[in-house]
């Protein structure tokens, strides 16, 4: 098969309707943020989605979701062709991931009057930890916590409120998002250490073998060329 035919087959797989439908998780501010005026979201994942389209000379349609769990659930309804998700074994059963293009710390926010030496202190039988349901850190903590109870919330804001109200001892989340919430507040504290590194990658349904191979090469080049670093700096 010549190069032109390979490209045609790839585009047919990644954009069967003629447009790449890119799932964008606006619940993770490190990757994407909503536009308050109703326009397209902005962020690293948005930049990467449009760069994939530019290189393949194929239009991109952004499909927005408020959480990674919603993105994963939407796979069953064929709502997207390309996504930006944290690498997780549960997801990998149905999704082909590229190498990571970005690592994000998962940590805890507690009330300011709580005194814990570090993240490991929270894995005790009397502890209750709030999480955004089906987020990467929910999946990770479900596998790794031995004693603490996980309390799942449908939104990140509700997970934070559980800790503020005293219903839980801590909220698990992405460090940047927790830092943004805690900025200027005296009633909460974000831990200095972490409980996990969240590896963000491009993802496609497992059936898209040609697309998965292409995106591996794309991510490697985007990192080596400095595209990812520039996108992170531009959207900081």
C-alpha atoms as a PDB file:
ATOM      1  CA  UNK A   1       0.000   0.000   0.000  1.00  0.00           C
ATOM      2  CA  UNK A   2       1.526   3.357  -1.019  1.00  0.00           C
ATOM      3  CA  UNK A   3       1.753   6.387   1.247  1.00  0.00           C
ATOM      4  CA  UNK A   4      -1.336   8.016  -0.220  1.00  0.00           C
ATOM      5  CA  UNK A   5      -3.429   4.908   0.366  1.00  0.00           C
ATOM      6  CA  UNK A   6      -2.065   4.577   3.912  1.00  0.00           C
ATOM      7  CA  UNK A   7      -3.056   8.183   4.664  1.00  0.00           C
ATOM      8  CA  UNK A   8      -6.503   7.629   3.170  1.00  0.00           C
ATOM      9  CA  UNK A   9      -7.057   4.494   5.250  1.00  0.00           C
ATOM     10  CA  UNK A  10      -5.876   6.305   8.395  1.00  0.00           C
ATOM     11  CA  UNK A  11      -8.227   9.237   7.887  1.00  0.00           C
ATOM     12  CA  UNK A  12     -11.121   6.901   7.118  1.00  0.00           C
ATOM     13  CA  UNK A  13     -10.470   5.145  10.446  1.00  0.00           C
ATOM     14  CA  UNK A  14      -9.895   8.263  12.569  1.00  0.00           C
ATOM     15  CA  UNK A  15     -12.553  10.395  10.873  1.00  0.00           C
ATOM     16  CA  UNK A  16     -15.149   8.021   9.402  1.00  0.00           C
ATOM     17  CA  UNK A  17     -17.595  10.898   8.994  1.00  0.00           C
ATOM     18  CA  UNK A  18     -15.000  13.183   7.417  1.00  0.00           C
ATOM     19  CA  UNK A  19     -14.322  15.055  10.675  1.00  0.00           C
ATOM     20  CA  UNK A  20     -12.229  14.049  13.695  1.00  0.00           C
ATOM     21  CA  UNK A  21     -14.496  14.224  16.731  1.00  0.00           C
ATOM     22  CA  UNK A  22     -12.136  15.110  19.588  1.00  0.00           C
ATOM     23  CA  UNK A  23     -13.381  14.577  23.151  1.00  0.00           C
ATOM     24  CA  UNK A  24     -12.259  17.447  25.388  1.00  0.00           C
ATOM     25  CA  UNK A  25     -12.494  17.140  29.184  1.00  0.00           C
ATOM     26  CA  UNK A  26     -13.099  20.646  30.547  1.00  0.00           C
ATOM     27  CA  UNK A  27     -13.211  19.245  34.073  1.00  0.00           C
ATOM     28  CA  UNK A  28      -9.413  19.113  34.093  1.00  0.00           C
ATOM     29  CA  UNK A  29      -8.141  22.724  33.917  1.00  0.00           C
ATOM     30  CA  UNK A  30      -4.606  21.532  33.219  1.00  0.00           C
ATOM     31  CA  UNK A  31      -5.803  20.181  29.864  1.00  0.00           C
ATOM     32  CA  UNK A  32      -8.724  22.395  28.843  1.00  0.00           C
ATOM     33  CA  UNK A  33     -10.865  25.278  30.051  1.00  0.00           C
ATOM     34  CA  UNK A  34     -14.330  26.377  29.005  1.00  0.00           C
ATOM     35  CA  UNK A  35     -14.790  29.647  27.155  1.00  0.00           C
ATOM     36  CA  UNK A  36     -17.048  31.874  29.268  1.00  0.00           C
ATOM     37  CA  UNK A  37     -18.497  33.452  26.126  1.00  0.00           C
ATOM     38  CA  UNK A  38     -19.583  30.114  24.691  1.00  0.00           C
ATOM     39  CA  UNK A  39     -16.770  29.645  22.193  1.00  0.00           C
ATOM     40  CA  UNK A  40     -14.442  26.679  21.824  1.00  0.00           C
ATOM     41  CA  UNK A  41     -12.532  25.630  24.945  1.00  0.00           C
ATOM     42  CA  UNK A  42      -8.793  26.285  25.097  1.00  0.00           C
ATOM     43  CA  UNK A  43      -5.925  24.259  26.463  1.00  0.00           C
ATOM     44  CA  UNK A  44      -3.190  21.757  25.729  1.00  0.00           C
ATOM     45  CA  UNK A  45      -5.576  19.006  24.613  1.00  0.00           C
ATOM     46  CA  UNK A  46      -7.396  21.432  22.324  1.00  0.00           C
ATOM     47  CA  UNK A  47      -4.105  22.486  20.723  1.00  0.00           C
ATOM     48  CA  UNK A  48      -3.102  18.856  20.218  1.00  0.00           C
ATOM     49  CA  UNK A  49      -6.466  17.967  18.696  1.00  0.00           C
ATOM     50  CA  UNK A  50      -6.244  20.744  16.136  1.00  0.00           C
ATOM     51  CA  UNK A  51      -2.612  19.861  15.385  1.00  0.00           C
ATOM     52  CA  UNK A  52      -3.628  16.276  14.578  1.00  0.00           C
ATOM     53  CA  UNK A  53      -6.255  17.677  12.220  1.00  0.00           C
ATOM     54  CA  UNK A  54      -3.803  20.101  10.639  1.00  0.00           C
ATOM     55  CA  UNK A  55      -1.258  17.395   9.906  1.00  0.00           C
ATOM     56  CA  UNK A  56      -3.883  15.086   8.439  1.00  0.00           C
ATOM     57  CA  UNK A  57      -5.611  17.955   6.610  1.00  0.00           C
ATOM     58  CA  UNK A  58      -8.874  16.893   8.255  1.00  0.00           C
ATOM     59  CA  UNK A  59     -11.339  19.129  10.126  1.00  0.00           C
ATOM     60  CA  UNK A  60     -11.721  18.712  13.895  1.00  0.00           C
ATOM     61  CA  UNK A  61     -14.926  18.981  15.901  1.00  0.00           C
ATOM     62  CA  UNK A  62     -14.560  19.463  19.658  1.00  0.00           C
ATOM     63  CA  UNK A  63     -16.951  17.408  21.795  1.00  0.00           C
ATOM     64  CA  UNK A  64     -16.835  18.660  25.374  1.00  0.00           C
ATOM     65  CA  UNK A  65     -17.377  16.753  28.612  1.00  0.00           C
ATOM     66  CA  UNK A  66     -17.190  17.801  32.256  1.00  0.00           C
ATOM     67  CA  UNK A  67     -15.192  14.802  33.438  1.00  0.00           C
ATOM     68  CA  UNK A  68     -12.967  11.969  32.255  1.00  0.00           C
ATOM     69  CA  UNK A  69     -15.555   9.448  33.392  1.00  0.00           C
ATOM     70  CA  UNK A  70     -18.067  10.983  30.999  1.00  0.00           C
ATOM     71  CA  UNK A  71     -15.533  10.766  28.165  1.00  0.00           C
ATOM     72  CA  UNK A  72     -14.957   7.082  28.837  1.00  0.00           C
ATOM     73  CA  UNK A  73     -18.682   6.332  29.128  1.00  0.00           C
ATOM     74  CA  UNK A  74     -19.325   8.140  25.820  1.00  0.00           C
ATOM     75  CA  UNK A  75     -17.112   5.608  24.044  1.00  0.00           C
ATOM     76  CA  UNK A  76     -19.943   3.087  24.229  1.00  0.00           C
ATOM     77  CA  UNK A  77     -22.171   5.502  22.314  1.00  0.00           C
ATOM     78  CA  UNK A  78     -19.596   6.266  19.580  1.00  0.00           C
ATOM     79  CA  UNK A  79     -19.550   9.975  20.432  1.00  0.00           C
ATOM     80  CA  UNK A  80     -15.858  10.616  19.707  1.00  0.00           C
ATOM     81  CA  UNK A  81     -12.933   9.402  17.605  1.00  0.00           C
ATOM     82  CA  UNK A  82     -10.017  10.897  19.553  1.00  0.00           C
ATOM     83  CA  UNK A  83      -9.746  11.604  23.273  1.00  0.00           C
ATOM     84  CA  UNK A  84      -7.293  12.885  25.872  1.00  0.00           C
ATOM     85  CA  UNK A  85      -7.319  10.706  28.968  1.00  0.00           C
ATOM     86  CA  UNK A  86      -5.119   9.492  31.787  1.00  0.00           C
ATOM     87  CA  UNK A  87      -3.654   6.053  31.210  1.00  0.00           C
ATOM     88  CA  UNK A  88      -5.528   3.565  33.391  1.00  0.00           C
ATOM     89  CA  UNK A  89      -5.709  -0.256  33.244  1.00  0.00           C
ATOM     90  CA  UNK A  90      -9.517  -0.252  33.410  1.00  0.00           C
ATOM     91  CA  UNK A  91      -9.729   2.121  30.452  1.00  0.00           C
ATOM     92  CA  UNK A  92      -7.032   0.249  28.527  1.00  0.00           C
ATOM     93  CA  UNK A  93      -9.412  -2.688  28.147  1.00  0.00           C
ATOM     94  CA  UNK A  94     -11.347  -0.634  25.573  1.00  0.00           C
ATOM     95  CA  UNK A  95      -8.932   2.149  24.608  1.00  0.00           C
ATOM     96  CA  UNK A  96      -5.542   2.285  22.884  1.00  0.00           C
ATOM     97  CA  UNK A  97      -3.285   4.869  24.539  1.00  0.00           C
ATOM     98  CA  UNK A  98      -0.214   6.641  23.209  1.00  0.00           C
ATOM     99  CA  UNK A  99       2.822   7.264  25.360  1.00  0.00           C
ATOM    100  CA  UNK A 100       2.209  10.039  27.916  1.00  0.00           C
ATOM    101  CA  UNK A 101       2.637  13.598  26.701  1.00  0.00           C
ATOM    102  CA  UNK A 102       2.124  15.131  30.157  1.00  0.00           C
ATOM    103  CA  UNK A 103       2.357  14.037  33.788  1.00  0.00           C
ATOM    104  CA  UNK A 104       0.137  15.556  36.474  1.00  0.00           C
ATOM    105  CA  UNK A 105       0.338  15.032  40.224  1.00  0.00           C
ATOM    106  CA  UNK A 106      -2.593  13.632  42.154  1.00  0.00           C
ATOM    107  CA  UNK A 107      -2.733  14.882  45.741  1.00  0.00           C
ATOM    108  CA  UNK A 108      -5.131  15.721  48.573  1.00  0.00           C
ATOM    109  CA  UNK A 109      -6.795  18.854  49.887  1.00  0.00           C
ATOM    110  CA  UNK A 110      -7.743  18.852  53.558  1.00  0.00           C
ATOM    111  CA  UNK A 111      -9.230  21.406  55.903  1.00  0.00           C
ATOM    112  CA  UNK A 112      -6.569  23.744  57.279  1.00  0.00           C
ATOM    113  CA  UNK A 113      -7.074  22.557  60.855  1.00  0.00           C
ATOM    114  CA  UNK A 114      -6.252  18.955  59.910  1.00  0.00           C
ATOM    115  CA  UNK A 115      -2.744  17.755  60.650  1.00  0.00           C
ATOM    116  CA  UNK A 116      -1.410  14.980  58.453  1.00  0.00           C
ATOM    117  CA  UNK A 117       2.266  14.331  57.754  1.00  0.00           C
ATOM    118  CA  UNK A 118       1.573  13.254  54.186  1.00  0.00           C
ATOM    119  CA  UNK A 119      -0.702  11.423  51.783  1.00  0.00           C
ATOM    120  CA  UNK A 120       0.024   8.030  53.348  1.00  0.00           C
ATOM    121  CA  UNK A 121      -1.540   9.234  56.617  1.00  0.00           C
ATOM    122  CA  UNK A 122      -4.964   9.235  54.982  1.00  0.00           C
ATOM    123  CA  UNK A 123      -5.086   5.500  54.325  1.00  0.00           C
ATOM    124  CA  UNK A 124      -6.596   4.647  57.704  1.00  0.00           C
ATOM    125  CA  UNK A 125      -9.856   2.917  58.504  1.00  0.00           C
ATOM    126  CA  UNK A 126     -11.488   6.014  59.991  1.00  0.00           C
ATOM    127  CA  UNK A 127     -10.678   8.197  56.972  1.00  0.00           C
ATOM    128  CA  UNK A 128     -13.170   9.193  54.268  1.00  0.00           C
ATOM    129  CA  UNK A 129     -11.800  10.599  50.999  1.00  0.00           C
ATOM    130  CA  UNK A 130     -13.923  12.461  48.442  1.00  0.00           C
ATOM    131  CA  UNK A 131     -13.248  11.937  44.733  1.00  0.00           C
ATOM    132  CA  UNK A 132     -14.791  12.877  41.415  1.00  0.00           C
ATOM    133  CA  UNK A 133     -16.451   9.670  40.282  1.00  0.00           C
ATOM    134  CA  UNK A 134     -14.548   7.762  37.555  1.00  0.00           C
ATOM    135  CA  UNK A 135     -11.654  10.259  37.477  1.00  0.00           C
ATOM    136  CA  UNK A 136      -8.200   8.734  37.054  1.00  0.00           C
ATOM    137  CA  UNK A 137      -7.476   9.226  40.745  1.00  0.00           C
ATOM    138  CA  UNK A 138     -10.758   7.507  41.677  1.00  0.00           C
ATOM    139  CA  UNK A 139      -9.688   4.461  39.655  1.00  0.00           C
ATOM    140  CA  UNK A 140      -6.175   4.583  41.146  1.00  0.00           C
ATOM    141  CA  UNK A 141      -7.312   4.962  44.755  1.00  0.00           C
ATOM    142  CA  UNK A 142      -9.910   2.220  44.290  1.00  0.00           C
ATOM    143  CA  UNK A 143      -7.013  -0.121  43.442  1.00  0.00           C
ATOM    144  CA  UNK A 144      -4.502   1.082  46.007  1.00  0.00           C
ATOM    145  CA  UNK A 145      -6.216   2.281  49.184  1.00  0.00           C
ATOM    146  CA  UNK A 146      -6.343  -0.492  51.753  1.00  0.00           C
ATOM    147  CA  UNK A 147      -8.233   1.096  54.645  1.00  0.00           C
ATOM    148  CA  UNK A 148      -9.759   4.511  53.867  1.00  0.00           C
ATOM    149  CA  UNK A 149     -13.276   4.783  52.463  1.00  0.00           C
ATOM    150  CA  UNK A 150     -13.856   6.498  49.108  1.00  0.00           C
ATOM    151  CA  UNK A 151     -16.837   8.836  48.796  1.00  0.00           C
ATOM    152  CA  UNK A 152     -17.679   9.527  45.147  1.00  0.00           C
ATOM    153  CA  UNK A 153     -19.244  12.765  43.937  1.00  0.00           C
ATOM    154  CA  UNK A 154     -20.718  13.527  40.490  1.00  0.00           C
ATOM    155  CA  UNK A 155     -18.735  16.780  40.119  1.00  0.00           C
ATOM    156  CA  UNK A 156     -15.388  18.098  41.343  1.00  0.00           C
ATOM    157  CA  UNK A 157     -17.153  20.983  43.104  1.00  0.00           C
ATOM    158  CA  UNK A 158     -19.316  18.560  45.069  1.00  0.00           C
ATOM    159  CA  UNK A 159     -16.249  16.500  46.024  1.00  0.00           C
ATOM    160  CA  UNK A 160     -14.605  19.638  47.417  1.00  0.00           C
ATOM    161  CA  UNK A 161     -17.756  20.581  49.302  1.00  0.00           C
ATOM    162  CA  UNK A 162     -17.747  17.210  51.057  1.00  0.00           C
ATOM    163  CA  UNK A 163     -14.430  18.098  52.678  1.00  0.00           C
ATOM    164  CA  UNK A 164     -15.372  21.707  53.400  1.00  0.00           C
ATOM    165  CA  UNK A 165     -18.523  20.520  55.190  1.00  0.00           C
ATOM    166  CA  UNK A 166     -16.656  17.940  57.230  1.00  0.00           C
ATOM    167  CA  UNK A 167     -18.348  14.965  55.565  1.00  0.00           C
ATOM    168  CA  UNK A 168     -14.929  13.710  54.396  1.00  0.00           C
ATOM    169  CA  UNK A 169     -11.411  14.180  55.703  1.00  0.00           C
ATOM    170  CA  UNK A 170      -9.874  15.049  52.327  1.00  0.00           C
ATOM    171  CA  UNK A 171     -10.591  15.512  48.644  1.00  0.00           C
ATOM    172  CA  UNK A 172      -8.381  13.798  46.075  1.00  0.00           C
ATOM    173  CA  UNK A 173      -7.652  15.692  42.881  1.00  0.00           C
ATOM    174  CA  UNK A 174      -5.225  17.184  40.412  1.00  0.00           C
ATOM    175  CA  UNK A 175      -2.690  19.418  42.129  1.00  0.00           C
ATOM    176  CA  UNK A 176      -3.165  22.407  39.819  1.00  0.00           C
ATOM    177  CA  UNK A 177      -6.939  22.330  40.241  1.00  0.00           C
ATOM    178  CA  UNK A 178      -6.698  21.995  44.009  1.00  0.00           C
ATOM    179  CA  UNK A 179      -4.126  24.809  44.163  1.00  0.00           C
ATOM    180  CA  UNK A 180      -6.452  27.051  42.141  1.00  0.00           C
ATOM    181  CA  UNK A 181      -9.338  26.315  44.517  1.00  0.00           C
ATOM    182  CA  UNK A 182      -7.186  26.878  47.617  1.00  0.00           C
ATOM    183  CA  UNK A 183      -5.598  30.133  46.418  1.00  0.00           C
ATOM    184  CA  UNK A 184      -6.424  32.960  48.820  1.00  0.00           C
ATOM    185  CA  UNK A 185      -8.261  30.681  51.244  1.00  0.00           C
ATOM    186  CA  UNK A 186      -7.207  30.109  54.824  1.00  0.00           C
ATOM    187  CA  UNK A 187      -9.585  27.234  55.568  1.00  0.00           C
ATOM    188  CA  UNK A 188      -8.003  24.569  53.337  1.00  0.00           C
ATOM    189  CA  UNK A 189      -4.582  23.046  52.744  1.00  0.00           C
ATOM    190  CA  UNK A 190      -3.163  21.213  49.710  1.00  0.00           C
ATOM    191  CA  UNK A 191      -0.619  18.549  50.638  1.00  0.00           C
ATOM    192  CA  UNK A 192       2.967  18.994  49.482  1.00  0.00           C
ATOM    193  CA  UNK A 193       3.431  15.358  48.512  1.00  0.00           C
ATOM    194  CA  UNK A 194       1.425  13.262  46.077  1.00  0.00           C
ATOM    195  CA  UNK A 195      -0.256   9.876  45.981  1.00  0.00           C
ATOM    196  CA  UNK A 196       0.147   9.335  42.212  1.00  0.00           C
ATOM    197  CA  UNK A 197       1.461  10.639  38.927  1.00  0.00           C
ATOM    198  CA  UNK A 198      -1.324  10.904  36.372  1.00  0.00           C
ATOM    199  CA  UNK A 199      -0.014  10.176  32.871  1.00  0.00           C
ATOM    200  CA  UNK A 200      -2.051  11.961  30.202  1.00  0.00           C
ATOM    201  CA  UNK A 201      -2.149  10.466  26.721  1.00  0.00           C
ATOM    202  CA  UNK A 202      -4.022  10.564  23.427  1.00  0.00           C
ATOM    203  CA  UNK A 203      -6.549   7.773  23.125  1.00  0.00           C
ATOM    204  CA  UNK A 204      -8.643   6.063  20.457  1.00  0.00           C
ATOM    205  CA  UNK A 205     -11.007   3.082  20.540  1.00  0.00           C
ATOM    206  CA  UNK A 206      -9.027  -0.155  20.410  1.00  0.00           C
ATOM    207  CA  UNK A 207     -10.424  -1.061  17.004  1.00  0.00           C
ATOM    208  CA  UNK A 208      -8.521   1.887  15.461  1.00  0.00           C
ATOM    209  CA  UNK A 209      -5.152   0.160  15.071  1.00  0.00           C
ATOM    210  CA  UNK A 210      -3.841   2.388  12.272  1.00  0.00           C
ATOM    211  CA  UNK A 211      -4.855   5.525  14.166  1.00  0.00           C
ATOM    212  CA  UNK A 212      -3.202   4.252  17.342  1.00  0.00           C
ATOM    213  CA  UNK A 213       0.079   3.658  15.494  1.00  0.00           C
ATOM    214  CA  UNK A 214      -0.056   7.081  13.843  1.00  0.00           C
ATOM    215  CA  UNK A 215      -0.780   8.865  17.123  1.00  0.00           C
ATOM    216  CA  UNK A 216       2.181   7.177  18.822  1.00  0.00           C
ATOM    217  CA  UNK A 217       4.417   8.754  16.198  1.00  0.00           C
ATOM    218  CA  UNK A 218       2.542  12.050  16.431  1.00  0.00           C
ATOM    219  CA  UNK A 219       3.025  12.312  20.213  1.00  0.00           C
ATOM    220  CA  UNK A 220       6.706  11.437  19.989  1.00  0.00           C
ATOM    221  CA  UNK A 221       7.228  14.186  17.414  1.00  0.00           C
ATOM    222  CA  UNK A 222       5.055  16.693  19.312  1.00  0.00           C
ATOM    223  CA  UNK A 223       7.228  16.196  22.388  1.00  0.00           C
ATOM    224  CA  UNK A 224      10.573  16.178  20.539  1.00  0.00           C
ATOM    225  CA  UNK A 225       9.730  19.257  18.457  1.00  0.00           C
ATOM    226  CA  UNK A 226       8.708  21.274  21.519  1.00  0.00           C
ATOM    227  CA  UNK A 227       5.049  21.540  20.430  1.00  0.00           C
ATOM    228  CA  UNK A 228       3.783  20.116  23.728  1.00  0.00           C
ATOM    229  CA  UNK A 229       6.064  22.354  25.793  1.00  0.00           C
ATOM    230  CA  UNK A 230       4.918  25.445  23.870  1.00  0.00           C
ATOM    231  CA  UNK A 231       1.265  24.432  24.275  1.00  0.00           C
ATOM    232  CA  UNK A 232       1.728  24.023  28.027  1.00  0.00           C
ATOM    233  CA  UNK A 233       3.427  27.417  28.308  1.00  0.00           C
ATOM    234  CA  UNK A 234       0.804  29.096  26.118  1.00  0.00           C
ATOM    235  CA  UNK A 235      -2.053  27.748  28.201  1.00  0.00           C
ATOM    236  CA  UNK A 236      -0.491  28.134  31.648  1.00  0.00           C
END
